[in-house]
Amino acid sequence: MIIPTKNPSSSDISCSNCKACCCRLEVMIISDTGVPEEFIQRDQYGGETMMRLHDGWCSALDRDTLMCSIYENRPWICREFEMGSDECLDERVKFL
């Protein structure tokens, strides 16, 4: 049995109606963009990722607006994650 998935049309794709799906992903910090220390989690080897809170979302996500509170200083990976890309659509389907 094939279960249909919800695939939004290109006109439906917008960060403003997404529920911050990409902000639930693990984000490695691989370059210095000025991410404030309070949002960084370091592992035992010194690897850095964006800290996520108990709700699973990135600690830099403003929970009221679902917008990045450090947008100008967001990690490189966040800068490269494009709205409407295959990766974006894959994440959106998980939460729609």
PDB file of N, CA and C in Angstrom:
ATOM      1  N   MET A   1       0.837  -1.175   0.000  1.00  0.00           N
ATOM      2  CA  MET A   1       0.000   0.000   0.000  1.00  0.00           C
ATOM      3  C   MET A   1       0.887   1.246   0.000  1.00  0.00           C
ATOM      4  N   ILE A   2       0.636   2.184  -0.882  1.00  0.00           N
ATOM      5  CA  ILE A   2       1.397   3.424  -0.967  1.00  0.00           C
ATOM      6  C   ILE A   2       0.637   4.506  -0.204  1.00  0.00           C
ATOM      7  N   ILE A   3       1.331   5.145   0.721  1.00  0.00           N
ATOM      8  CA  ILE A   3       0.728   6.218   1.492  1.00  0.00           C
ATOM      9  C   ILE A   3       1.182   7.538   0.896  1.00  0.00           C
ATOM     10  N   PRO A   4       0.247   8.356   0.437  1.00  0.00           N
ATOM     11  CA  PRO A   4       0.651   9.639  -0.157  1.00  0.00           C
ATOM     12  C   PRO A   4       1.212  10.573   0.912  1.00  0.00           C
ATOM     13  N   THR A   5       2.186  11.364   0.503  1.00  0.00           N
ATOM     14  CA  THR A   5       2.751  12.367   1.405  1.00  0.00           C
ATOM     15  C   THR A   5       2.297  13.736   0.957  1.00  0.00           C
ATOM     16  N   LYS A   6       2.344  14.665   1.865  1.00  0.00           N
ATOM     17  CA  LYS A   6       1.992  16.040   1.533  1.00  0.00           C
ATOM     18  C   LYS A   6       3.198  16.711   0.900  1.00  0.00           C
ATOM     19  N   ASN A   7       3.097  17.075  -0.336  1.00  0.00           N
ATOM     20  CA  ASN A   7       4.160  17.802  -1.015  1.00  0.00           C
ATOM     21  C   ASN A   7       3.650  19.195  -1.324  1.00  0.00           C
ATOM     22  N   PRO A   8       4.172  20.189  -0.643  1.00  0.00           N
ATOM     23  CA  PRO A   8       3.682  21.546  -0.877  1.00  0.00           C
ATOM     24  C   PRO A   8       4.065  22.030  -2.268  1.00  0.00           C
ATOM     25  N   SER A   9       3.180  22.821  -2.869  1.00  0.00           N
ATOM     26  CA  SER A   9       3.525  23.414  -4.155  1.00  0.00           C
ATOM     27  C   SER A   9       4.548  24.512  -3.901  1.00  0.00           C
ATOM     28  N   SER A  10       5.221  24.958  -4.933  1.00  0.00           N
ATOM     29  CA  SER A  10       6.261  25.974  -4.773  1.00  0.00           C
ATOM     30  C   SER A  10       5.701  27.259  -4.186  1.00  0.00           C
ATOM     31  N   SER A  11       4.431  27.552  -4.445  1.00  0.00           N
ATOM     32  CA  SER A  11       3.841  28.771  -3.885  1.00  0.00           C
ATOM     33  C   SER A  11       3.545  28.630  -2.392  1.00  0.00           C
ATOM     34  N   ASP A  12       3.477  27.387  -1.894  1.00  0.00           N
ATOM     35  CA  ASP A  12       3.216  27.147  -0.477  1.00  0.00           C
ATOM     36  C   ASP A  12       4.495  27.179   0.358  1.00  0.00           C
ATOM     37  N   ILE A  13       5.648  27.153  -0.274  1.00  0.00           N
ATOM     38  CA  ILE A  13       6.911  27.064   0.444  1.00  0.00           C
ATOM     39  C   ILE A  13       7.365  28.444   0.874  1.00  0.00           C
ATOM     40  N   SER A  14       7.431  28.618   2.183  1.00  0.00           N
ATOM     41  CA  SER A  14       7.872  29.874   2.752  1.00  0.00           C
ATOM     42  C   SER A  14       8.360  29.605   4.174  1.00  0.00           C
ATOM     43  N   CYS A  15       9.405  30.275   4.568  1.00  0.00           N
ATOM     44  CA  CYS A  15       9.876  30.128   5.950  1.00  0.00           C
ATOM     45  C   CYS A  15       8.804  30.587   6.933  1.00  0.00           C
ATOM     46  N   SER A  16       7.965  31.518   6.523  1.00  0.00           N
ATOM     47  CA  SER A  16       6.962  32.067   7.430  1.00  0.00           C
ATOM     48  C   SER A  16       5.833  31.084   7.744  1.00  0.00           C
ATOM     49  N   ASN A  17       5.670  30.014   6.960  1.00  0.00           N
ATOM     50  CA  ASN A  17       4.624  29.038   7.254  1.00  0.00           C
ATOM     51  C   ASN A  17       5.184  27.637   7.507  1.00  0.00           C
ATOM     52  N   CYS A  18       6.415  27.571   7.929  1.00  0.00           N
ATOM     53  CA  CYS A  18       7.104  26.284   7.998  1.00  0.00           C
ATOM     54  C   CYS A  18       7.140  25.641   9.373  1.00  0.00           C
ATOM     55  N   LYS A  19       6.965  26.377  10.436  1.00  0.00           N
ATOM     56  CA  LYS A  19       7.104  25.868  11.798  1.00  0.00           C
ATOM     57  C   LYS A  19       8.550  25.529  12.134  1.00  0.00           C
ATOM     58  N   ALA A  20       9.491  26.190  11.479  1.00  0.00           N
ATOM     59  CA  ALA A  20      10.917  26.096  11.785  1.00  0.00           C
ATOM     60  C   ALA A  20      11.465  24.665  11.728  1.00  0.00           C
ATOM     61  N   CYS A  21      11.095  23.932  10.714  1.00  0.00           N
ATOM     62  CA  CYS A  21      11.552  22.544  10.573  1.00  0.00           C
ATOM     63  C   CYS A  21      13.074  22.427  10.567  1.00  0.00           C
ATOM     64  N   CYS A  22      13.746  23.309   9.844  1.00  0.00           N
ATOM     65  CA  CYS A  22      15.203  23.211   9.750  1.00  0.00           C
ATOM     66  C   CYS A  22      15.876  23.539  11.083  1.00  0.00           C
ATOM     67  N   CYS A  23      15.173  24.225  11.961  1.00  0.00           N
ATOM     68  CA  CYS A  23      15.743  24.577  13.267  1.00  0.00           C
ATOM     69  C   CYS A  23      15.715  23.412  14.240  1.00  0.00           C
ATOM     70  N   ARG A  24      15.262  22.259  13.776  1.00  0.00           N
ATOM     71  CA  ARG A  24      15.294  21.041  14.579  1.00  0.00           C
ATOM     72  C   ARG A  24      16.485  20.152  14.203  1.00  0.00           C
ATOM     73  N   LEU A  25      17.203  20.531  13.158  1.00  0.00           N
ATOM     74  CA  LEU A  25      18.352  19.747  12.696  1.00  0.00           C
ATOM     75  C   LEU A  25      19.581  20.017  13.555  1.00  0.00           C
ATOM     76  N   GLU A  26      20.474  19.030  13.640  1.00  0.00           N
ATOM     77  CA  GLU A  26      21.753  19.273  14.301  1.00  0.00           C
ATOM     78  C   GLU A  26      22.596  20.146  13.383  1.00  0.00           C
ATOM     79  N   VAL A  27      23.130  21.226  13.924  1.00  0.00           N
ATOM     80  CA  VAL A  27      23.902  22.176  13.130  1.00  0.00           C
ATOM     81  C   VAL A  27      25.324  22.248  13.671  1.00  0.00           C
ATOM     82  N   MET A  28      26.256  21.760  12.874  1.00  0.00           N
ATOM     83  CA  MET A  28      27.665  21.843  13.238  1.00  0.00           C
ATOM     84  C   MET A  28      28.171  23.247  12.930  1.00  0.00           C
ATOM     85  N   ILE A  29      29.018  23.749  13.796  1.00  0.00           N
ATOM     86  CA  ILE A  29      29.634  25.051  13.570  1.00  0.00           C
ATOM     87  C   ILE A  29      31.023  24.785  13.012  1.00  0.00           C
ATOM     88  N   ILE A  30      31.213  25.105  11.733  1.00  0.00           N
ATOM     89  CA  ILE A  30      32.475  24.776  11.066  1.00  0.00           C
ATOM     90  C   ILE A  30      33.247  26.003  10.605  1.00  0.00           C
ATOM     91  N   SER A  31      32.686  27.172  10.857  1.00  0.00           N
ATOM     92  CA  SER A  31      33.401  28.410  10.544  1.00  0.00           C
ATOM     93  C   SER A  31      32.968  29.468  11.544  1.00  0.00           C
ATOM     94  N   ASP A  32      33.755  30.500  11.696  1.00  0.00           N
ATOM     95  CA  ASP A  32      33.439  31.546  12.651  1.00  0.00           C
ATOM     96  C   ASP A  32      32.538  32.591  12.009  1.00  0.00           C
ATOM     97  N   THR A  33      31.277  32.592  12.409  1.00  0.00           N
ATOM     98  CA  THR A  33      30.348  33.615  11.930  1.00  0.00           C
ATOM     99  C   THR A  33      29.913  34.517  13.073  1.00  0.00           C
ATOM    100  N   GLY A  34      30.476  34.291  14.246  1.00  0.00           N
ATOM    101  CA  GLY A  34      30.145  35.124  15.396  1.00  0.00           C
ATOM    102  C   GLY A  34      28.987  34.617  16.230  1.00  0.00           C
ATOM    103  N   VAL A  35      28.708  33.309  16.164  1.00  0.00           N
ATOM    104  CA  VAL A  35      27.636  32.749  16.988  1.00  0.00           C
ATOM    105  C   VAL A  35      27.968  33.012  18.460  1.00  0.00           C
ATOM    106  N   PRO A  36      27.062  33.638  19.200  1.00  0.00           N
ATOM    107  CA  PRO A  36      27.318  33.907  20.618  1.00  0.00           C
ATOM    108  C   PRO A  36      27.532  32.606  21.405  1.00  0.00           C
ATOM    109  N   GLU A  37      28.433  32.654  22.354  1.00  0.00           N
ATOM    110  CA  GLU A  37      28.817  31.480  23.146  1.00  0.00           C
ATOM    111  C   GLU A  37      27.629  30.769  23.786  1.00  0.00           C
ATOM    112  N   GLU A  38      26.624  31.524  24.243  1.00  0.00           N
ATOM    113  CA  GLU A  38      25.523  30.887  24.963  1.00  0.00           C
ATOM    114  C   GLU A  38      24.679  29.958  24.097  1.00  0.00           C
ATOM    115  N   PHE A  39      24.899  29.975  22.776  1.00  0.00           N
ATOM    116  CA  PHE A  39      24.156  29.107  21.876  1.00  0.00           C
ATOM    117  C   PHE A  39      24.990  27.921  21.379  1.00  0.00           C
ATOM    118  N   ILE A  40      26.219  27.820  21.841  1.00  0.00           N
ATOM    119  CA  ILE A  40      27.138  26.781  21.354  1.00  0.00           C
ATOM    120  C   ILE A  40      27.254  25.656  22.376  1.00  0.00           C
ATOM    121  N   GLN A  41      27.194  24.431  21.868  1.00  0.00           N
ATOM    122  CA  GLN A  41      27.430  23.242  22.687  1.00  0.00           C
ATOM    123  C   GLN A  41      28.706  22.590  22.175  1.00  0.00           C
ATOM    124  N   ARG A  42      29.606  22.243  23.083  1.00  0.00           N
ATOM    125  CA  ARG A  42      30.872  21.602  22.711  1.00  0.00           C
ATOM    126  C   ARG A  42      30.893  20.170  23.221  1.00  0.00           C
ATOM    127  N   ASP A  43      31.386  19.271  22.368  1.00  0.00           N
ATOM    128  CA  ASP A  43      31.508  17.887  22.826  1.00  0.00           C
ATOM    129  C   ASP A  43      32.876  17.679  23.471  1.00  0.00           C
ATOM    130  N   GLN A  44      33.140  16.468  23.906  1.00  0.00           N
ATOM    131  CA  GLN A  44      34.381  16.164  24.626  1.00  0.00           C
ATOM    132  C   GLN A  44      35.629  16.345  23.772  1.00  0.00           C
ATOM    133  N   TYR A  45      35.467  16.418  22.455  1.00  0.00           N
ATOM    134  CA  TYR A  45      36.610  16.574  21.550  1.00  0.00           C
ATOM    135  C   TYR A  45      36.767  18.004  21.054  1.00  0.00           C
ATOM    136  N   GLY A  46      35.897  18.894  21.499  1.00  0.00           N
ATOM    137  CA  GLY A  46      35.962  20.288  21.079  1.00  0.00           C
ATOM    138  C   GLY A  46      35.085  20.622  19.888  1.00  0.00           C
ATOM    139  N   GLY A  47      34.348  19.624  19.376  1.00  0.00           N
ATOM    140  CA  GLY A  47      33.428  19.881  18.264  1.00  0.00           C
ATOM    141  C   GLY A  47      32.294  20.771  18.718  1.00  0.00           C
ATOM    142  N   GLU A  48      31.897  21.685  17.872  1.00  0.00           N
ATOM    143  CA  GLU A  48      30.859  22.644  18.230  1.00  0.00           C
ATOM    144  C   GLU A  48      29.596  22.449  17.393  1.00  0.00           C
ATOM    145  N   THR A  49      28.463  22.489  18.068  1.00  0.00           N
ATOM    146  CA  THR A  49      27.162  22.463  17.411  1.00  0.00           C
ATOM    147  C   THR A  49      26.288  23.535  18.054  1.00  0.00           C
ATOM    148  N   MET A  50      25.232  23.880  17.350  1.00  0.00           N
ATOM    149  CA  MET A  50      24.246  24.780  17.946  1.00  0.00           C
ATOM    150  C   MET A  50      23.502  23.988  19.018  1.00  0.00           C
ATOM    151  N   MET A  51      23.368  24.591  20.180  1.00  0.00           N
ATOM    152  CA  MET A  51      22.655  23.957  21.286  1.00  0.00           C
ATOM    153  C   MET A  51      21.177  23.862  20.938  1.00  0.00           C
ATOM    154  N   ARG A  52      20.585  22.724  21.304  1.00  0.00           N
ATOM    155  CA  ARG A  52      19.138  22.565  21.153  1.00  0.00           C
ATOM    156  C   ARG A  52      18.531  22.423  22.538  1.00  0.00           C
ATOM    157  N   LEU A  53      17.354  22.967  22.699  1.00  0.00           N
ATOM    158  CA  LEU A  53      16.683  22.922  23.992  1.00  0.00           C
ATOM    159  C   LEU A  53      15.779  21.693  24.091  1.00  0.00           C
ATOM    160  N   HIS A  54      15.136  21.507  25.215  1.00  0.00           N
ATOM    161  CA  HIS A  54      14.317  20.328  25.481  1.00  0.00           C
ATOM    162  C   HIS A  54      13.211  20.109  24.449  1.00  0.00           C
ATOM    163  N   ASP A  55      12.779  21.148  23.774  1.00  0.00           N
ATOM    164  CA  ASP A  55      11.724  21.004  22.764  1.00  0.00           C
ATOM    165  C   ASP A  55      12.263  20.539  21.410  1.00  0.00           C
ATOM    166  N   GLY A  56      13.593  20.397  21.313  1.00  0.00           N
ATOM    167  CA  GLY A  56      14.208  19.909  20.080  1.00  0.00           C
ATOM    168  C   GLY A  56      14.635  20.996  19.115  1.00  0.00           C
ATOM    169  N   TRP A  57      14.209  22.229  19.359  1.00  0.00           N
ATOM    170  CA  TRP A  57      14.563  23.334  18.484  1.00  0.00           C
ATOM    171  C   TRP A  57      15.883  23.968  18.901  1.00  0.00           C
ATOM    172  N   CYS A  58      16.529  24.599  17.964  1.00  0.00           N
ATOM    173  CA  CYS A  58      17.762  25.344  18.195  1.00  0.00           C
ATOM    174  C   CYS A  58      17.542  26.380  19.299  1.00  0.00           C
ATOM    175  N   SER A  59      18.547  26.540  20.136  1.00  0.00           N
ATOM    176  CA  SER A  59      18.431  27.496  21.244  1.00  0.00           C
ATOM    177  C   SER A  59      18.360  28.944  20.759  1.00  0.00           C
ATOM    178  N   ALA A  60      18.774  29.224  19.527  1.00  0.00           N
ATOM    179  CA  ALA A  60      18.733  30.587  18.992  1.00  0.00           C
ATOM    180  C   ALA A  60      17.386  30.928  18.356  1.00  0.00           C
ATOM    181  N   LEU A  61      16.490  29.970  18.293  1.00  0.00           N
ATOM    182  CA  LEU A  61      15.177  30.215  17.695  1.00  0.00           C
ATOM    183  C   LEU A  61      14.282  30.946  18.684  1.00  0.00           C
ATOM    184  N   ASP A  62      13.734  32.071  18.263  1.00  0.00           N
ATOM    185  CA  ASP A  62      12.764  32.797  19.085  1.00  0.00           C
ATOM    186  C   ASP A  62      11.462  32.005  19.022  1.00  0.00           C
ATOM    187  N   ARG A  63      11.029  31.476  20.139  1.00  0.00           N
ATOM    188  CA  ARG A  63       9.853  30.603  20.182  1.00  0.00           C
ATOM    189  C   ARG A  63       8.548  31.342  19.874  1.00  0.00           C
ATOM    190  N   ASP A  64       8.513  32.633  20.047  1.00  0.00           N
ATOM    191  CA  ASP A  64       7.292  33.398  19.764  1.00  0.00           C
ATOM    192  C   ASP A  64       7.123  33.682  18.280  1.00  0.00           C
ATOM    193  N   THR A  65       8.213  34.028  17.604  1.00  0.00           N
ATOM    194  CA  THR A  65       8.136  34.397  16.189  1.00  0.00           C
ATOM    195  C   THR A  65       8.573  33.277  15.253  1.00  0.00           C
ATOM    196  N   LEU A  66       9.235  32.246  15.800  1.00  0.00           N
ATOM    197  CA  LEU A  66       9.846  31.162  15.023  1.00  0.00           C
ATOM    198  C   LEU A  66      10.854  31.713  14.009  1.00  0.00           C
ATOM    199  N   MET A  67      11.547  32.768  14.419  1.00  0.00           N
ATOM    200  CA  MET A  67      12.605  33.375  13.612  1.00  0.00           C
ATOM    201  C   MET A  67      13.918  33.245  14.370  1.00  0.00           C
ATOM    202  N   CYS A  68      15.018  33.239  13.634  1.00  0.00           N
ATOM    203  CA  CYS A  68      16.343  33.136  14.231  1.00  0.00           C
ATOM    204  C   CYS A  68      16.690  34.429  14.967  1.00  0.00           C
ATOM    205  N   SER A  69      17.070  34.293  16.228  1.00  0.00           N
ATOM    206  CA  SER A  69      17.406  35.481  17.022  1.00  0.00           C
ATOM    207  C   SER A  69      18.834  35.959  16.777  1.00  0.00           C
ATOM    208  N   ILE A  70      19.620  35.162  16.051  1.00  0.00           N
ATOM    209  CA  ILE A  70      21.008  35.553  15.735  1.00  0.00           C
ATOM    210  C   ILE A  70      21.240  35.494  14.227  1.00  0.00           C
ATOM    211  N   TYR A  71      20.238  35.849  13.467  1.00  0.00           N
ATOM    212  CA  TYR A  71      20.263  35.698  12.009  1.00  0.00           C
ATOM    213  C   TYR A  71      21.548  36.231  11.378  1.00  0.00           C
ATOM    214  N   GLU A  72      21.993  37.390  11.764  1.00  0.00           N
ATOM    215  CA  GLU A  72      23.210  37.974  11.177  1.00  0.00           C
ATOM    216  C   GLU A  72      24.466  37.197  11.550  1.00  0.00           C
ATOM    217  N   ASN A  73      24.404  36.405  12.619  1.00  0.00           N
ATOM    218  CA  ASN A  73      25.557  35.630  13.080  1.00  0.00           C
ATOM    219  C   ASN A  73      25.305  34.126  13.018  1.00  0.00           C
ATOM    220  N   ARG A  74      24.312  33.701  12.242  1.00  0.00           N
ATOM    221  CA  ARG A  74      23.977  32.278  12.167  1.00  0.00           C
ATOM    222  C   ARG A  74      25.125  31.482  11.544  1.00  0.00           C
ATOM    223  N   PRO A  75      25.205  30.193  11.865  1.00  0.00           N
ATOM    224  CA  PRO A  75      26.275  29.348  11.319  1.00  0.00           C
ATOM    225  C   PRO A  75      26.219  29.230   9.796  1.00  0.00           C
ATOM    226  N   TRP A  76      27.339  28.865   9.225  1.00  0.00           N
ATOM    227  CA  TRP A  76      27.470  28.711   7.778  1.00  0.00           C
ATOM    228  C   TRP A  76      26.438  27.730   7.230  1.00  0.00           C
ATOM    229  N   ILE A  77      26.220  26.617   7.921  1.00  0.00           N
ATOM    230  CA  ILE A  77      25.262  25.609   7.443  1.00  0.00           C
ATOM    231  C   ILE A  77      23.862  26.215   7.325  1.00  0.00           C
ATOM    232  N   CYS A  78      23.484  27.031   8.282  1.00  0.00           N
ATOM    233  CA  CYS A  78      22.169  27.690   8.217  1.00  0.00           C
ATOM    234  C   CYS A  78      22.099  28.652   7.038  1.00  0.00           C
ATOM    235  N   ARG A  79      23.203  29.298   6.733  1.00  0.00           N
ATOM    236  CA  ARG A  79      23.244  30.231   5.601  1.00  0.00           C
ATOM    237  C   ARG A  79      23.086  29.499   4.270  1.00  0.00           C
ATOM    238  N   GLU A  80      23.577  28.275   4.210  1.00  0.00           N
ATOM    239  CA  GLU A  80      23.544  27.497   2.972  1.00  0.00           C
ATOM    240  C   GLU A  80      22.249  26.699   2.783  1.00  0.00           C
ATOM    241  N   PHE A  81      21.489  26.513   3.836  1.00  0.00           N
ATOM    242  CA  PHE A  81      20.241  25.748   3.769  1.00  0.00           C
ATOM    243  C   PHE A  81      19.196  26.609   3.072  1.00  0.00           C
ATOM    244  N   GLU A  82      18.834  26.241   1.858  1.00  0.00           N
ATOM    245  CA  GLU A  82      17.959  27.084   1.044  1.00  0.00           C
ATOM    246  C   GLU A  82      16.493  26.697   1.155  1.00  0.00           C
ATOM    247  N   MET A  83      15.661  27.711   1.321  1.00  0.00           N
ATOM    248  CA  MET A  83      14.219  27.504   1.321  1.00  0.00           C
ATOM    249  C   MET A  83      13.800  26.877  -0.006  1.00  0.00           C
ATOM    250  N   GLY A  84      13.061  25.786   0.068  1.00  0.00           N
ATOM    251  CA  GLY A  84      12.566  25.124  -1.132  1.00  0.00           C
ATOM    252  C   GLY A  84      13.524  24.108  -1.730  1.00  0.00           C
ATOM    253  N   SER A  85      14.727  23.957  -1.150  1.00  0.00           N
ATOM    254  CA  SER A  85      15.678  22.964  -1.652  1.00  0.00           C
ATOM    255  C   SER A  85      15.163  21.562  -1.317  1.00  0.00           C
ATOM    256  N   ASP A  86      15.782  20.551  -1.897  1.00  0.00           N
ATOM    257  CA  ASP A  86      15.386  19.171  -1.605  1.00  0.00           C
ATOM    258  C   ASP A  86      15.476  18.883  -0.106  1.00  0.00           C
ATOM    259  N   GLU A  87      16.526  19.384   0.536  1.00  0.00           N
ATOM    260  CA  GLU A  87      16.697  19.167   1.975  1.00  0.00           C
ATOM    261  C   GLU A  87      15.562  19.833   2.756  1.00  0.00           C
ATOM    262  N   CYS A  88      15.210  21.037   2.357  1.00  0.00           N
ATOM    263  CA  CYS A  88      14.109  21.774   2.986  1.00  0.00           C
ATOM    264  C   CYS A  88      12.806  20.984   2.857  1.00  0.00           C
ATOM    265  N   LEU A  89      12.507  20.536   1.653  1.00  0.00           N
ATOM    266  CA  LEU A  89      11.267  19.793   1.420  1.00  0.00           C
ATOM    267  C   LEU A  89      11.239  18.495   2.211  1.00  0.00           C
ATOM    268  N   ASP A  90      12.382  17.806   2.321  1.00  0.00           N
ATOM    269  CA  ASP A  90      12.463  16.577   3.107  1.00  0.00           C
ATOM    270  C   ASP A  90      12.116  16.836   4.570  1.00  0.00           C
ATOM    271  N   GLU A  91      12.615  17.926   5.122  1.00  0.00           N
ATOM    272  CA  GLU A  91      12.330  18.244   6.519  1.00  0.00           C
ATOM    273  C   GLU A  91      10.889  18.691   6.715  1.00  0.00           C
ATOM    274  N   ARG A  92      10.365  19.460   5.791  1.00  0.00           N
ATOM    275  CA  ARG A  92       8.979  19.946   5.902  1.00  0.00           C
ATOM    276  C   ARG A  92       7.987  18.791   5.940  1.00  0.00           C
ATOM    277  N   VAL A  93       8.219  17.779   5.124  1.00  0.00           N
ATOM    278  CA  VAL A  93       7.312  16.633   5.056  1.00  0.00           C
ATOM    279  C   VAL A  93       7.214  15.932   6.409  1.00  0.00           C
ATOM    280  N   LYS A  94       8.297  15.930   7.174  1.00  0.00           N
ATOM    281  CA  LYS A  94       8.304  15.262   8.483  1.00  0.00           C
ATOM    282  C   LYS A  94       7.392  15.945   9.490  1.00  0.00           C
ATOM    283  N   PHE A  95       7.143  17.234   9.314  1.00  0.00           N
ATOM    284  CA  PHE A  95       6.407  17.992  10.319  1.00  0.00           C
ATOM    285  C   PHE A  95       5.050  18.522   9.841  1.00  0.00           C
ATOM    286  N   LEU A  96       4.689  18.273   8.593  1.00  0.00           N
ATOM    287  CA  LEU A  96       3.396  18.768   8.083  1.00  0.00           C
ATOM    288  C   LEU A  96       2.273  17.841   8.477  1.00  0.00           C
TER     289      LEU A  96
END
